């Protein structure tokens, strides 16, 4: 081992693990909540607390960052705090609801977050909300980051951010839809940071029990819509047309255990891929793209994300051609003919 001639002490890994565990318990976080805040899988979190050193440094830093053990003033750290605060805000909003409320996503949820890197315009919140309205991508009847206008569920300014919670049916809220897929919570920062959490559309169906399937095509449509949203928001925020903007994207799917991969929502799709029961309960997918050509390269962007997700269900060998065919259905889709959300 080389002689330590500097002033930096060797990394006492086990002490960091023990301190992170102590802080997690002191803050009343379960392993599952800690992993969700860090954006890592529950098994990764468990491996960390066992002191295993096979984790990547990035995953370990994500875990340590949640409990304040990383002093790292980087853009990635800023996004991690943004996501952590948004997730905590959502947890506080749903805490008073009954355990089986659809807005608590009792059978699992998925969340997307992204941040834009580049020379961007900074706007006041009122102007930024108008930009968000222009950035909505309507490929389905319930687009991500939708801005309703009804008082009970319209976006609000909270802590210098724009946030929207589509609260479930109750004494103060009248809803046309009251299932997990229509109880979104999202947050947006004028610097180009976005967060969305939503329940599964499959869990609101009446033809099979909640928590038993993951549709083959819906992850592509949902992730595709968010990436198209990122491209559009980047075009509205960049200072000039020649500004290069990068999209840093992450998706997290939870509640996968007990589900099988099935083609359900789009029976005419070319993406008729079906798999076995999920091998893990969670999936974390990460990527970064140039915001200038996401739509033209959407299938290429989606292929590694879908491949990683499908692998949880024992599916391998997904081809670009099959993804391209479904992407074209998404890009050419008019607004869904189903009843539009009440604004």
C-alpha atoms as a PDB file:
ATOM      1  CA  UNK A   1       0.000   0.000   0.000  1.00  0.00           C
ATOM      2  CA  UNK A   2       1.448   3.447  -0.906  1.00  0.00           C
ATOM      3  CA  UNK A   3       2.519   5.644   1.974  1.00  0.00           C
ATOM      4  CA  UNK A   4      -0.064   8.239   2.975  1.00  0.00           C
ATOM      5  CA  UNK A   5       1.882  11.505   2.641  1.00  0.00           C
ATOM      6  CA  UNK A   6      -1.153  13.815   2.491  1.00  0.00           C
ATOM      7  CA  UNK A   7      -3.549  15.169   5.066  1.00  0.00           C
ATOM      8  CA  UNK A   8      -6.591  13.093   4.025  1.00  0.00           C
ATOM      9  CA  UNK A   9      -7.405  10.164   6.272  1.00  0.00           C
ATOM     10  CA  UNK A  10      -8.242   6.790   4.654  1.00  0.00           C
ATOM     11  CA  UNK A  11     -11.949   6.229   4.047  1.00  0.00           C
ATOM     12  CA  UNK A  12     -13.405   4.350   7.007  1.00  0.00           C
ATOM     13  CA  UNK A  13     -16.178   2.701   5.011  1.00  0.00           C
ATOM     14  CA  UNK A  14     -17.790   0.741   7.811  1.00  0.00           C
ATOM     15  CA  UNK A  15     -18.037   3.882   9.943  1.00  0.00           C
ATOM     16  CA  UNK A  16     -19.896   5.642   7.132  1.00  0.00           C
ATOM     17  CA  UNK A  17     -22.267   2.687   6.832  1.00  0.00           C
ATOM     18  CA  UNK A  18     -22.911   2.656  10.574  1.00  0.00           C
ATOM     19  CA  UNK A  19     -23.438   6.430  10.712  1.00  0.00           C
ATOM     20  CA  UNK A  20     -25.816   6.336   7.719  1.00  0.00           C
ATOM     21  CA  UNK A  21     -27.801   3.573   9.433  1.00  0.00           C
ATOM     22  CA  UNK A  22     -27.908   5.535  12.679  1.00  0.00           C
ATOM     23  CA  UNK A  23     -29.128   8.687  10.917  1.00  0.00           C
ATOM     24  CA  UNK A  24     -31.730   6.771   8.906  1.00  0.00           C
ATOM     25  CA  UNK A  25     -33.254   5.361  12.075  1.00  0.00           C
ATOM     26  CA  UNK A  26     -33.014   8.714  13.879  1.00  0.00           C
ATOM     27  CA  UNK A  27     -34.990  10.349  11.050  1.00  0.00           C
ATOM     28  CA  UNK A  28     -37.621   7.599  11.169  1.00  0.00           C
ATOM     29  CA  UNK A  29     -36.882   6.342   7.659  1.00  0.00           C
ATOM     30  CA  UNK A  30     -37.385   2.720   6.701  1.00  0.00           C
ATOM     31  CA  UNK A  31     -34.932   1.033   4.358  1.00  0.00           C
ATOM     32  CA  UNK A  32     -37.551   1.227   1.638  1.00  0.00           C
ATOM     33  CA  UNK A  33     -38.118   4.961   2.112  1.00  0.00           C
ATOM     34  CA  UNK A  34     -34.376   5.629   2.261  1.00  0.00           C
ATOM     35  CA  UNK A  35     -33.846   3.740  -1.002  1.00  0.00           C
ATOM     36  CA  UNK A  36     -36.696   5.649  -2.672  1.00  0.00           C
ATOM     37  CA  UNK A  37     -35.256   8.986  -1.600  1.00  0.00           C
ATOM     38  CA  UNK A  38     -31.826   7.954  -2.869  1.00  0.00           C
ATOM     39  CA  UNK A  39     -33.213   6.646  -6.146  1.00  0.00           C
ATOM     40  CA  UNK A  40     -31.676   3.185  -5.680  1.00  0.00           C
ATOM     41  CA  UNK A  41     -33.313  -0.207  -5.420  1.00  0.00           C
ATOM     42  CA  UNK A  42     -34.233  -1.717  -2.067  1.00  0.00           C
ATOM     43  CA  UNK A  43     -31.730  -4.596  -2.534  1.00  0.00           C
ATOM     44  CA  UNK A  44     -28.980  -2.026  -3.199  1.00  0.00           C
ATOM     45  CA  UNK A  45     -29.920  -0.244   0.012  1.00  0.00           C
ATOM     46  CA  UNK A  46     -29.824  -3.510   1.952  1.00  0.00           C
ATOM     47  CA  UNK A  47     -26.427  -4.380   0.490  1.00  0.00           C
ATOM     48  CA  UNK A  48     -25.085  -0.991   1.540  1.00  0.00           C
ATOM     49  CA  UNK A  49     -26.239  -1.476   5.125  1.00  0.00           C
ATOM     50  CA  UNK A  50     -24.595  -4.903   5.188  1.00  0.00           C
ATOM     51  CA  UNK A  51     -21.320  -3.141   4.474  1.00  0.00           C
ATOM     52  CA  UNK A  52     -20.832  -4.650   1.036  1.00  0.00           C
ATOM     53  CA  UNK A  53     -18.322  -2.821  -1.152  1.00  0.00           C
ATOM     54  CA  UNK A  54     -19.585  -4.014  -4.535  1.00  0.00           C
ATOM     55  CA  UNK A  55     -21.827  -0.941  -4.960  1.00  0.00           C
ATOM     56  CA  UNK A  56     -20.787   1.706  -7.430  1.00  0.00           C
ATOM     57  CA  UNK A  57     -19.516   4.926  -5.903  1.00  0.00           C
ATOM     58  CA  UNK A  58     -22.423   6.823  -7.474  1.00  0.00           C
ATOM     59  CA  UNK A  59     -25.001   4.586  -5.743  1.00  0.00           C
ATOM     60  CA  UNK A  60     -23.197   4.834  -2.405  1.00  0.00           C
ATOM     61  CA  UNK A  61     -23.087   8.640  -2.657  1.00  0.00           C
ATOM     62  CA  UNK A  62     -26.808   8.742  -3.454  1.00  0.00           C
ATOM     63  CA  UNK A  63     -27.488   6.767  -0.254  1.00  0.00           C
ATOM     64  CA  UNK A  64     -25.143   8.850   1.906  1.00  0.00           C
ATOM     65  CA  UNK A  65     -26.479  12.106   0.476  1.00  0.00           C
ATOM     66  CA  UNK A  66     -29.989  11.448   1.841  1.00  0.00           C
ATOM     67  CA  UNK A  67     -28.711  11.523   5.432  1.00  0.00           C
ATOM     68  CA  UNK A  68     -26.376  14.476   4.965  1.00  0.00           C
ATOM     69  CA  UNK A  69     -23.077  12.614   4.700  1.00  0.00           C
ATOM     70  CA  UNK A  70     -21.966  14.100   1.375  1.00  0.00           C
ATOM     71  CA  UNK A  71     -20.712  17.638   0.913  1.00  0.00           C
ATOM     72  CA  UNK A  72     -20.880  17.866  -2.854  1.00  0.00           C
ATOM     73  CA  UNK A  73     -21.995  21.175  -4.423  1.00  0.00           C
ATOM     74  CA  UNK A  74     -22.626  19.794  -7.920  1.00  0.00           C
ATOM     75  CA  UNK A  75     -25.583  19.905 -10.288  1.00  0.00           C
ATOM     76  CA  UNK A  76     -26.227  16.224  -9.648  1.00  0.00           C
ATOM     77  CA  UNK A  77     -26.353  16.880  -5.919  1.00  0.00           C
ATOM     78  CA  UNK A  78     -28.773  19.753  -6.456  1.00  0.00           C
ATOM     79  CA  UNK A  79     -31.067  17.463  -8.440  1.00  0.00           C
ATOM     80  CA  UNK A  80     -30.819  14.784  -5.761  1.00  0.00           C
ATOM     81  CA  UNK A  81     -31.971  17.288  -3.134  1.00  0.00           C
ATOM     82  CA  UNK A  82     -34.747  18.496  -5.435  1.00  0.00           C
ATOM     83  CA  UNK A  83     -36.013  14.928  -5.907  1.00  0.00           C
ATOM     84  CA  UNK A  84     -35.666  14.105  -2.223  1.00  0.00           C
ATOM     85  CA  UNK A  85     -37.629  17.202  -1.191  1.00  0.00           C
ATOM     86  CA  UNK A  86     -40.321  16.517  -3.799  1.00  0.00           C
ATOM     87  CA  UNK A  87     -40.729  12.925  -2.647  1.00  0.00           C
ATOM     88  CA  UNK A  88     -40.942  14.021   0.994  1.00  0.00           C
ATOM     89  CA  UNK A  89     -43.521  16.644   0.060  1.00  0.00           C
ATOM     90  CA  UNK A  90     -45.644  13.973  -1.646  1.00  0.00           C
ATOM     91  CA  UNK A  91     -45.340  11.675   1.378  1.00  0.00           C
ATOM     92  CA  UNK A  92     -46.558  14.477   3.645  1.00  0.00           C
ATOM     93  CA  UNK A  93     -49.518  15.213   1.368  1.00  0.00           C
ATOM     94  CA  UNK A  94     -50.744  11.611   1.297  1.00  0.00           C
ATOM     95  CA  UNK A  95     -49.952  10.833   4.957  1.00  0.00           C
ATOM     96  CA  UNK A  96     -53.472  11.766   6.224  1.00  0.00           C
ATOM     97  CA  UNK A  97     -55.202   9.613   3.594  1.00  0.00           C
ATOM     98  CA  UNK A  98     -56.518   6.086   4.287  1.00  0.00           C
ATOM     99  CA  UNK A  99     -53.984   3.333   3.694  1.00  0.00           C
ATOM    100  CA  UNK A 100     -55.953   2.046   0.690  1.00  0.00           C
ATOM    101  CA  UNK A 101     -56.408   5.473  -0.930  1.00  0.00           C
ATOM    102  CA  UNK A 102     -55.509   5.365  -4.637  1.00  0.00           C
ATOM    103  CA  UNK A 103     -53.407   8.498  -4.149  1.00  0.00           C
ATOM    104  CA  UNK A 104     -51.059   6.562  -1.853  1.00  0.00           C
ATOM    105  CA  UNK A 105     -50.324   4.119  -4.713  1.00  0.00           C
ATOM    106  CA  UNK A 106     -50.744   1.078  -2.439  1.00  0.00           C
ATOM    107  CA  UNK A 107     -49.559  -1.373  -5.122  1.00  0.00           C
ATOM    108  CA  UNK A 108     -46.548   0.613  -6.276  1.00  0.00           C
ATOM    109  CA  UNK A 109     -45.663   3.702  -8.257  1.00  0.00           C
ATOM    110  CA  UNK A 110     -43.272   5.019 -10.832  1.00  0.00           C
ATOM    111  CA  UNK A 111     -41.561   8.372 -10.867  1.00  0.00           C
ATOM    112  CA  UNK A 112     -39.600  10.371 -13.408  1.00  0.00           C
ATOM    113  CA  UNK A 113     -37.228  13.238 -12.839  1.00  0.00           C
ATOM    114  CA  UNK A 114     -34.975  15.182 -15.143  1.00  0.00           C
ATOM    115  CA  UNK A 115     -32.852  18.317 -15.185  1.00  0.00           C
ATOM    116  CA  UNK A 116     -31.610  20.449 -18.050  1.00  0.00           C
ATOM    117  CA  UNK A 117     -27.953  21.371 -18.369  1.00  0.00           C
ATOM    118  CA  UNK A 118     -27.025  24.301 -20.609  1.00  0.00           C
ATOM    119  CA  UNK A 119     -27.276  28.055 -21.020  1.00  0.00           C
ATOM    120  CA  UNK A 120     -30.895  28.599 -19.969  1.00  0.00           C
ATOM    121  CA  UNK A 121     -33.128  31.592 -19.335  1.00  0.00           C
ATOM    122  CA  UNK A 122     -34.264  32.083 -15.751  1.00  0.00           C
ATOM    123  CA  UNK A 123     -37.859  33.219 -15.309  1.00  0.00           C
ATOM    124  CA  UNK A 124     -40.026  34.405 -12.446  1.00  0.00           C
ATOM    125  CA  UNK A 125     -42.499  31.793 -11.266  1.00  0.00           C
ATOM    126  CA  UNK A 126     -45.506  33.364 -12.983  1.00  0.00           C
ATOM    127  CA  UNK A 127     -43.692  33.429 -16.319  1.00  0.00           C
ATOM    128  CA  UNK A 128     -42.323  29.935 -15.708  1.00  0.00           C
ATOM    129  CA  UNK A 129     -45.837  28.577 -15.169  1.00  0.00           C
ATOM    130  CA  UNK A 130     -46.830  29.936 -18.576  1.00  0.00           C
ATOM    131  CA  UNK A 131     -43.778  28.205 -20.057  1.00  0.00           C
ATOM    132  CA  UNK A 132     -44.869  24.945 -18.417  1.00  0.00           C
ATOM    133  CA  UNK A 133     -48.285  25.292 -20.058  1.00  0.00           C
ATOM    134  CA  UNK A 134     -46.587  25.558 -23.460  1.00  0.00           C
ATOM    135  CA  UNK A 135     -44.340  22.576 -22.707  1.00  0.00           C
ATOM    136  CA  UNK A 136     -47.177  20.075 -22.160  1.00  0.00           C
ATOM    137  CA  UNK A 137     -46.955  17.263 -24.721  1.00  0.00           C
ATOM    138  CA  UNK A 138     -50.401  15.866 -25.577  1.00  0.00           C
ATOM    139  CA  UNK A 139     -49.950  12.379 -26.935  1.00  0.00           C
ATOM    140  CA  UNK A 140     -52.529  10.847 -24.585  1.00  0.00           C
ATOM    141  CA  UNK A 141     -55.566  12.029 -22.670  1.00  0.00           C
ATOM    142  CA  UNK A 142     -53.569  12.431 -19.436  1.00  0.00           C
ATOM    143  CA  UNK A 143     -50.193  13.995 -20.285  1.00  0.00           C
ATOM    144  CA  UNK A 144     -47.337  14.298 -17.791  1.00  0.00           C
ATOM    145  CA  UNK A 145     -46.953  17.665 -16.046  1.00  0.00           C
ATOM    146  CA  UNK A 146     -50.513  18.633 -16.993  1.00  0.00           C
ATOM    147  CA  UNK A 147     -51.675  21.968 -15.493  1.00  0.00           C
ATOM    148  CA  UNK A 148     -55.359  21.824 -14.450  1.00  0.00           C
ATOM    149  CA  UNK A 149     -57.212  25.093 -13.857  1.00  0.00           C
ATOM    150  CA  UNK A 150     -59.802  24.041 -11.273  1.00  0.00           C
ATOM    151  CA  UNK A 151     -59.068  25.618  -7.883  1.00  0.00           C
ATOM    152  CA  UNK A 152     -58.940  22.363  -5.914  1.00  0.00           C
ATOM    153  CA  UNK A 153     -56.190  20.794  -8.026  1.00  0.00           C
ATOM    154  CA  UNK A 154     -54.510  23.633  -9.924  1.00  0.00           C
ATOM    155  CA  UNK A 155     -50.718  24.169  -9.627  1.00  0.00           C
ATOM    156  CA  UNK A 156     -49.451  26.309  -6.754  1.00  0.00           C
ATOM    157  CA  UNK A 157     -46.296  28.155  -5.823  1.00  0.00           C
ATOM    158  CA  UNK A 158     -44.544  26.395  -2.922  1.00  0.00           C
ATOM    159  CA  UNK A 159     -41.046  27.271  -1.702  1.00  0.00           C
ATOM    160  CA  UNK A 160     -40.066  28.962  -4.956  1.00  0.00           C
ATOM    161  CA  UNK A 161     -41.322  26.055  -7.078  1.00  0.00           C
ATOM    162  CA  UNK A 162     -44.444  25.173  -9.044  1.00  0.00           C
ATOM    163  CA  UNK A 163     -46.165  22.049  -7.754  1.00  0.00           C
ATOM    164  CA  UNK A 164     -49.390  20.236  -8.553  1.00  0.00           C
ATOM    165  CA  UNK A 165     -51.126  17.452  -6.660  1.00  0.00           C
ATOM    166  CA  UNK A 166     -54.163  15.818  -8.221  1.00  0.00           C
ATOM    167  CA  UNK A 167     -55.706  14.927  -4.879  1.00  0.00           C
ATOM    168  CA  UNK A 168     -58.193  12.032  -4.767  1.00  0.00           C
ATOM    169  CA  UNK A 169     -61.951  12.370  -4.497  1.00  0.00           C
ATOM    170  CA  UNK A 170     -62.958  13.761  -1.115  1.00  0.00           C
ATOM    171  CA  UNK A 171     -64.888  16.441   0.720  1.00  0.00           C
ATOM    172  CA  UNK A 172     -62.885  19.245  -0.883  1.00  0.00           C
ATOM    173  CA  UNK A 173     -62.116  17.643  -4.259  1.00  0.00           C
ATOM    174  CA  UNK A 174     -64.477  16.392  -6.948  1.00  0.00           C
ATOM    175  CA  UNK A 175     -62.752  14.130  -9.457  1.00  0.00           C
ATOM    176  CA  UNK A 176     -63.762  12.522 -12.710  1.00  0.00           C
ATOM    177  CA  UNK A 177     -60.949  10.002 -12.283  1.00  0.00           C
ATOM    178  CA  UNK A 178     -60.046   8.530  -8.919  1.00  0.00           C
ATOM    179  CA  UNK A 179     -57.545   5.741  -9.572  1.00  0.00           C
ATOM    180  CA  UNK A 180     -53.755   5.596  -9.022  1.00  0.00           C
ATOM    181  CA  UNK A 181     -52.939   6.603 -12.601  1.00  0.00           C
ATOM    182  CA  UNK A 182     -54.787   9.912 -12.209  1.00  0.00           C
ATOM    183  CA  UNK A 183     -53.449  11.082  -8.830  1.00  0.00           C
ATOM    184  CA  UNK A 184     -50.198  12.643 -10.043  1.00  0.00           C
ATOM    185  CA  UNK A 185     -47.907  14.770  -7.952  1.00  0.00           C
ATOM    186  CA  UNK A 186     -45.319  16.857  -9.752  1.00  0.00           C
ATOM    187  CA  UNK A 187     -42.893  19.677  -9.050  1.00  0.00           C
ATOM    188  CA  UNK A 188     -41.003  22.028 -11.351  1.00  0.00           C
ATOM    189  CA  UNK A 189     -38.136  24.464 -10.777  1.00  0.00           C
ATOM    190  CA  UNK A 190     -37.464  27.448 -13.072  1.00  0.00           C
ATOM    191  CA  UNK A 191     -33.906  26.175 -13.536  1.00  0.00           C
ATOM    192  CA  UNK A 192     -35.286  23.265 -15.563  1.00  0.00           C
ATOM    193  CA  UNK A 193     -35.762  20.590 -12.904  1.00  0.00           C
ATOM    194  CA  UNK A 194     -38.815  18.338 -13.034  1.00  0.00           C
ATOM    195  CA  UNK A 195     -40.263  15.577 -10.840  1.00  0.00           C
ATOM    196  CA  UNK A 196     -43.376  13.423 -11.359  1.00  0.00           C
ATOM    197  CA  UNK A 197     -44.786  10.498  -9.378  1.00  0.00           C
ATOM    198  CA  UNK A 198     -47.807   8.492 -10.522  1.00  0.00           C
ATOM    199  CA  UNK A 199     -49.542   5.162  -9.888  1.00  0.00           C
ATOM    200  CA  UNK A 200     -49.983   2.415 -12.454  1.00  0.00           C
ATOM    201  CA  UNK A 201     -52.807   2.558 -14.979  1.00  0.00           C
ATOM    202  CA  UNK A 202     -52.917  -1.241 -14.785  1.00  0.00           C
ATOM    203  CA  UNK A 203     -53.947  -1.015 -11.111  1.00  0.00           C
ATOM    204  CA  UNK A 204     -57.180   0.783 -11.978  1.00  0.00           C
ATOM    205  CA  UNK A 205     -58.403  -1.893 -14.381  1.00  0.00           C
ATOM    206  CA  UNK A 206     -61.338  -4.115 -13.483  1.00  0.00           C
ATOM    207  CA  UNK A 207     -60.270  -7.137 -15.546  1.00  0.00           C
ATOM    208  CA  UNK A 208     -57.460  -8.293 -13.234  1.00  0.00           C
ATOM    209  CA  UNK A 209     -56.345  -7.633  -9.640  1.00  0.00           C
ATOM    210  CA  UNK A 210     -54.204  -4.582  -8.900  1.00  0.00           C
ATOM    211  CA  UNK A 211     -50.487  -5.260  -8.654  1.00  0.00           C
ATOM    212  CA  UNK A 212     -50.486  -8.297 -10.948  1.00  0.00           C
ATOM    213  CA  UNK A 213     -49.319  -7.012 -14.363  1.00  0.00           C
ATOM    214  CA  UNK A 214     -47.068  -4.414 -15.935  1.00  0.00           C
ATOM    215  CA  UNK A 215     -48.171  -3.507 -19.437  1.00  0.00           C
ATOM    216  CA  UNK A 216     -45.580  -3.890 -22.185  1.00  0.00           C
ATOM    217  CA  UNK A 217     -46.152  -0.598 -23.961  1.00  0.00           C
ATOM    218  CA  UNK A 218     -47.151   1.848 -21.216  1.00  0.00           C
ATOM    219  CA  UNK A 219     -43.579   2.344 -19.879  1.00  0.00           C
ATOM    220  CA  UNK A 220     -42.481   3.330 -23.396  1.00  0.00           C
ATOM    221  CA  UNK A 221     -45.353   5.781 -23.783  1.00  0.00           C
ATOM    222  CA  UNK A 222     -44.887   7.326 -20.333  1.00  0.00           C
ATOM    223  CA  UNK A 223     -41.104   7.667 -20.560  1.00  0.00           C
ATOM    224  CA  UNK A 224     -41.408   8.822 -24.165  1.00  0.00           C
ATOM    225  CA  UNK A 225     -43.874  11.551 -23.206  1.00  0.00           C
ATOM    226  CA  UNK A 226     -41.555  12.811 -20.454  1.00  0.00           C
ATOM    227  CA  UNK A 227     -38.543  12.878 -22.791  1.00  0.00           C
ATOM    228  CA  UNK A 228     -40.568  14.800 -25.376  1.00  0.00           C
ATOM    229  CA  UNK A 229     -41.597  17.173 -22.586  1.00  0.00           C
ATOM    230  CA  UNK A 230     -37.929  17.675 -21.702  1.00  0.00           C
ATOM    231  CA  UNK A 231     -37.090  18.459 -25.335  1.00  0.00           C
ATOM    232  CA  UNK A 232     -39.916  20.992 -25.540  1.00  0.00           C
ATOM    233  CA  UNK A 233     -39.094  22.635 -22.206  1.00  0.00           C
ATOM    234  CA  UNK A 234     -35.447  22.901 -23.264  1.00  0.00           C
ATOM    235  CA  UNK A 235     -36.503  24.660 -26.476  1.00  0.00           C
ATOM    236  CA  UNK A 236     -38.511  27.171 -24.419  1.00  0.00           C
ATOM    237  CA  UNK A 237     -35.781  27.794 -21.834  1.00  0.00           C
ATOM    238  CA  UNK A 238     -32.619  27.887 -23.966  1.00  0.00           C
ATOM    239  CA  UNK A 239     -31.254  31.373 -24.491  1.00  0.00           C
ATOM    240  CA  UNK A 240     -30.909  30.984 -28.253  1.00  0.00           C
ATOM    241  CA  UNK A 241     -31.531  28.386 -30.925  1.00  0.00           C
ATOM    242  CA  UNK A 242     -27.880  27.338 -31.048  1.00  0.00           C
ATOM    243  CA  UNK A 243     -27.629  26.630 -27.319  1.00  0.00           C
ATOM    244  CA  UNK A 244     -26.735  23.008 -26.587  1.00  0.00           C
ATOM    245  CA  UNK A 245     -28.853  21.530 -23.793  1.00  0.00           C
ATOM    246  CA  UNK A 246     -28.429  18.122 -22.169  1.00  0.00           C
ATOM    247  CA  UNK A 247     -31.287  16.222 -20.518  1.00  0.00           C
ATOM    248  CA  UNK A 248     -30.340  14.159 -17.455  1.00  0.00           C
ATOM    249  CA  UNK A 249     -33.190  11.662 -17.043  1.00  0.00           C
ATOM    250  CA  UNK A 250     -34.057   9.075 -14.399  1.00  0.00           C
ATOM    251  CA  UNK A 251     -37.002   6.695 -14.008  1.00  0.00           C
ATOM    252  CA  UNK A 252     -37.843   4.540 -10.999  1.00  0.00           C
ATOM    253  CA  UNK A 253     -40.464   1.773 -11.046  1.00  0.00           C
ATOM    254  CA  UNK A 254     -41.543   0.203  -7.737  1.00  0.00           C
ATOM    255  CA  UNK A 255     -43.975  -2.522  -6.725  1.00  0.00           C
ATOM    256  CA  UNK A 256     -42.834  -4.852  -9.522  1.00  0.00           C
ATOM    257  CA  UNK A 257     -42.715  -8.034  -7.455  1.00  0.00           C
ATOM    258  CA  UNK A 258     -45.865 -10.038  -8.090  1.00  0.00           C
ATOM    259  CA  UNK A 259     -46.360  -8.522 -11.545  1.00  0.00           C
ATOM    260  CA  UNK A 260     -45.890 -10.201 -14.908  1.00  0.00           C
ATOM    261  CA  UNK A 261     -45.175  -8.398 -18.170  1.00  0.00           C
ATOM    262  CA  UNK A 262     -48.263  -8.497 -20.400  1.00  0.00           C
ATOM    263  CA  UNK A 263     -49.581  -6.717 -23.500  1.00  0.00           C
ATOM    264  CA  UNK A 264     -52.827  -5.124 -22.352  1.00  0.00           C
ATOM    265  CA  UNK A 265     -53.262  -1.410 -23.074  1.00  0.00           C
ATOM    266  CA  UNK A 266     -52.419  -1.570 -26.791  1.00  0.00           C
ATOM    267  CA  UNK A 267     -53.473  -4.989 -28.144  1.00  0.00           C
ATOM    268  CA  UNK A 268     -52.645  -3.938 -31.737  1.00  0.00           C
ATOM    269  CA  UNK A 269     -49.095  -2.932 -30.872  1.00  0.00           C
ATOM    270  CA  UNK A 270     -46.100  -4.489 -32.615  1.00  0.00           C
ATOM    271  CA  UNK A 271     -44.406  -4.543 -29.216  1.00  0.00           C
ATOM    272  CA  UNK A 272     -46.062  -7.802 -28.167  1.00  0.00           C
ATOM    273  CA  UNK A 273     -43.399  -8.697 -25.619  1.00  0.00           C
ATOM    274  CA  UNK A 274     -44.471 -10.752 -22.621  1.00  0.00           C
ATOM    275  CA  UNK A 275     -42.388 -11.971 -19.708  1.00  0.00           C
ATOM    276  CA  UNK A 276     -42.405 -13.909 -16.473  1.00  0.00           C
ATOM    277  CA  UNK A 277     -42.864 -12.601 -12.952  1.00  0.00           C
ATOM    278  CA  UNK A 278     -40.581  -9.724 -11.977  1.00  0.00           C
ATOM    279  CA  UNK A 279     -37.210 -10.795 -10.568  1.00  0.00           C
ATOM    280  CA  UNK A 280     -36.921  -7.688  -8.412  1.00  0.00           C
ATOM    281  CA  UNK A 281     -39.305  -5.241  -6.796  1.00  0.00           C
ATOM    282  CA  UNK A 282     -37.773  -2.087  -8.246  1.00  0.00           C
ATOM    283  CA  UNK A 283     -36.010  -0.785 -11.318  1.00  0.00           C
ATOM    284  CA  UNK A 284     -33.944   2.405 -11.589  1.00  0.00           C
ATOM    285  CA  UNK A 285     -33.147   3.583 -15.128  1.00  0.00           C
ATOM    286  CA  UNK A 286     -30.819   6.508 -15.903  1.00  0.00           C
ATOM    287  CA  UNK A 287     -29.601   8.165 -19.090  1.00  0.00           C
ATOM    288  CA  UNK A 288     -28.680  11.527 -20.571  1.00  0.00           C
ATOM    289  CA  UNK A 289     -29.493  12.859 -24.025  1.00  0.00           C
ATOM    290  CA  UNK A 290     -29.006  15.898 -26.205  1.00  0.00           C
ATOM    291  CA  UNK A 291     -32.243  17.897 -26.013  1.00  0.00           C
ATOM    292  CA  UNK A 292     -31.857  19.037 -29.606  1.00  0.00           C
ATOM    293  CA  UNK A 293     -32.872  15.763 -31.266  1.00  0.00           C
ATOM    294  CA  UNK A 294     -34.802  13.628 -28.794  1.00  0.00           C
ATOM    295  CA  UNK A 295     -37.876  13.241 -31.003  1.00  0.00           C
ATOM    296  CA  UNK A 296     -35.871  12.196 -34.059  1.00  0.00           C
ATOM    297  CA  UNK A 297     -33.880   9.673 -31.983  1.00  0.00           C
ATOM    298  CA  UNK A 298     -36.611   8.649 -29.537  1.00  0.00           C
ATOM    299  CA  UNK A 299     -36.508   4.920 -30.325  1.00  0.00           C
ATOM    300  CA  UNK A 300     -32.742   4.898 -29.948  1.00  0.00           C
ATOM    301  CA  UNK A 301     -33.094   6.708 -26.605  1.00  0.00           C
ATOM    302  CA  UNK A 302     -35.790   4.336 -25.393  1.00  0.00           C
ATOM    303  CA  UNK A 303     -34.138   1.023 -26.338  1.00  0.00           C
ATOM    304  CA  UNK A 304     -31.611   0.768 -23.452  1.00  0.00           C
ATOM    305  CA  UNK A 305     -34.185   1.981 -20.920  1.00  0.00           C
ATOM    306  CA  UNK A 306     -36.777  -0.587 -21.976  1.00  0.00           C
ATOM    307  CA  UNK A 307     -34.158  -3.336 -22.250  1.00  0.00           C
ATOM    308  CA  UNK A 308     -33.120  -2.741 -18.647  1.00  0.00           C
ATOM    309  CA  UNK A 309     -36.733  -2.723 -17.434  1.00  0.00           C
ATOM    310  CA  UNK A 310     -37.760  -5.823 -19.391  1.00  0.00           C
ATOM    311  CA  UNK A 311     -34.754  -7.756 -18.082  1.00  0.00           C
ATOM    312  CA  UNK A 312     -36.485  -7.723 -14.681  1.00  0.00           C
ATOM    313  CA  UNK A 313     -39.135  -9.942 -16.292  1.00  0.00           C
ATOM    314  CA  UNK A 314     -36.727 -12.317 -18.028  1.00  0.00           C
ATOM    315  CA  UNK A 315     -37.067 -10.689 -21.462  1.00  0.00           C
ATOM    316  CA  UNK A 316     -33.920 -10.329 -23.559  1.00  0.00           C
ATOM    317  CA  UNK A 317     -33.105  -9.437 -27.155  1.00  0.00           C
ATOM    318  CA  UNK A 318     -35.448  -6.469 -27.602  1.00  0.00           C
ATOM    319  CA  UNK A 319     -34.879  -5.085 -31.104  1.00  0.00           C
ATOM    320  CA  UNK A 320     -34.671  -1.464 -32.180  1.00  0.00           C
ATOM    321  CA  UNK A 321     -37.167  -2.126 -34.995  1.00  0.00           C
ATOM    322  CA  UNK A 322     -39.910  -3.181 -32.565  1.00  0.00           C
ATOM    323  CA  UNK A 323     -39.269  -0.157 -30.356  1.00  0.00           C
ATOM    324  CA  UNK A 324     -39.254   2.093 -33.421  1.00  0.00           C
ATOM    325  CA  UNK A 325     -42.670   0.809 -34.506  1.00  0.00           C
ATOM    326  CA  UNK A 326     -44.203   1.617 -31.117  1.00  0.00           C
ATOM    327  CA  UNK A 327     -42.449   4.990 -30.958  1.00  0.00           C
ATOM    328  CA  UNK A 328     -44.037   5.902 -34.289  1.00  0.00           C
ATOM    329  CA  UNK A 329     -47.466   5.025 -32.835  1.00  0.00           C
ATOM    330  CA  UNK A 330     -46.698   7.405 -29.955  1.00  0.00           C
ATOM    331  CA  UNK A 331     -45.446  10.229 -32.179  1.00  0.00           C
ATOM    332  CA  UNK A 332     -48.374   9.919 -34.591  1.00  0.00           C
ATOM    333  CA  UNK A 333     -51.009   9.547 -31.899  1.00  0.00           C
ATOM    334  CA  UNK A 334     -53.726  12.195 -31.651  1.00  0.00           C
ATOM    335  CA  UNK A 335     -54.994  13.137 -28.242  1.00  0.00           C
ATOM    336  CA  UNK A 336     -56.748  10.085 -26.821  1.00  0.00           C
ATOM    337  CA  UNK A 337     -60.458   9.834 -27.620  1.00  0.00           C
ATOM    338  CA  UNK A 338     -61.203   8.989 -24.026  1.00  0.00           C
ATOM    339  CA  UNK A 339     -62.833  11.713 -21.937  1.00  0.00           C
ATOM    340  CA  UNK A 340     -60.443  14.615 -21.493  1.00  0.00           C
ATOM    341  CA  UNK A 341     -59.477  15.673 -17.941  1.00  0.00           C
ATOM    342  CA  UNK A 342     -61.730  18.295 -16.410  1.00  0.00           C
ATOM    343  CA  UNK A 343     -59.692  21.458 -16.125  1.00  0.00           C
END
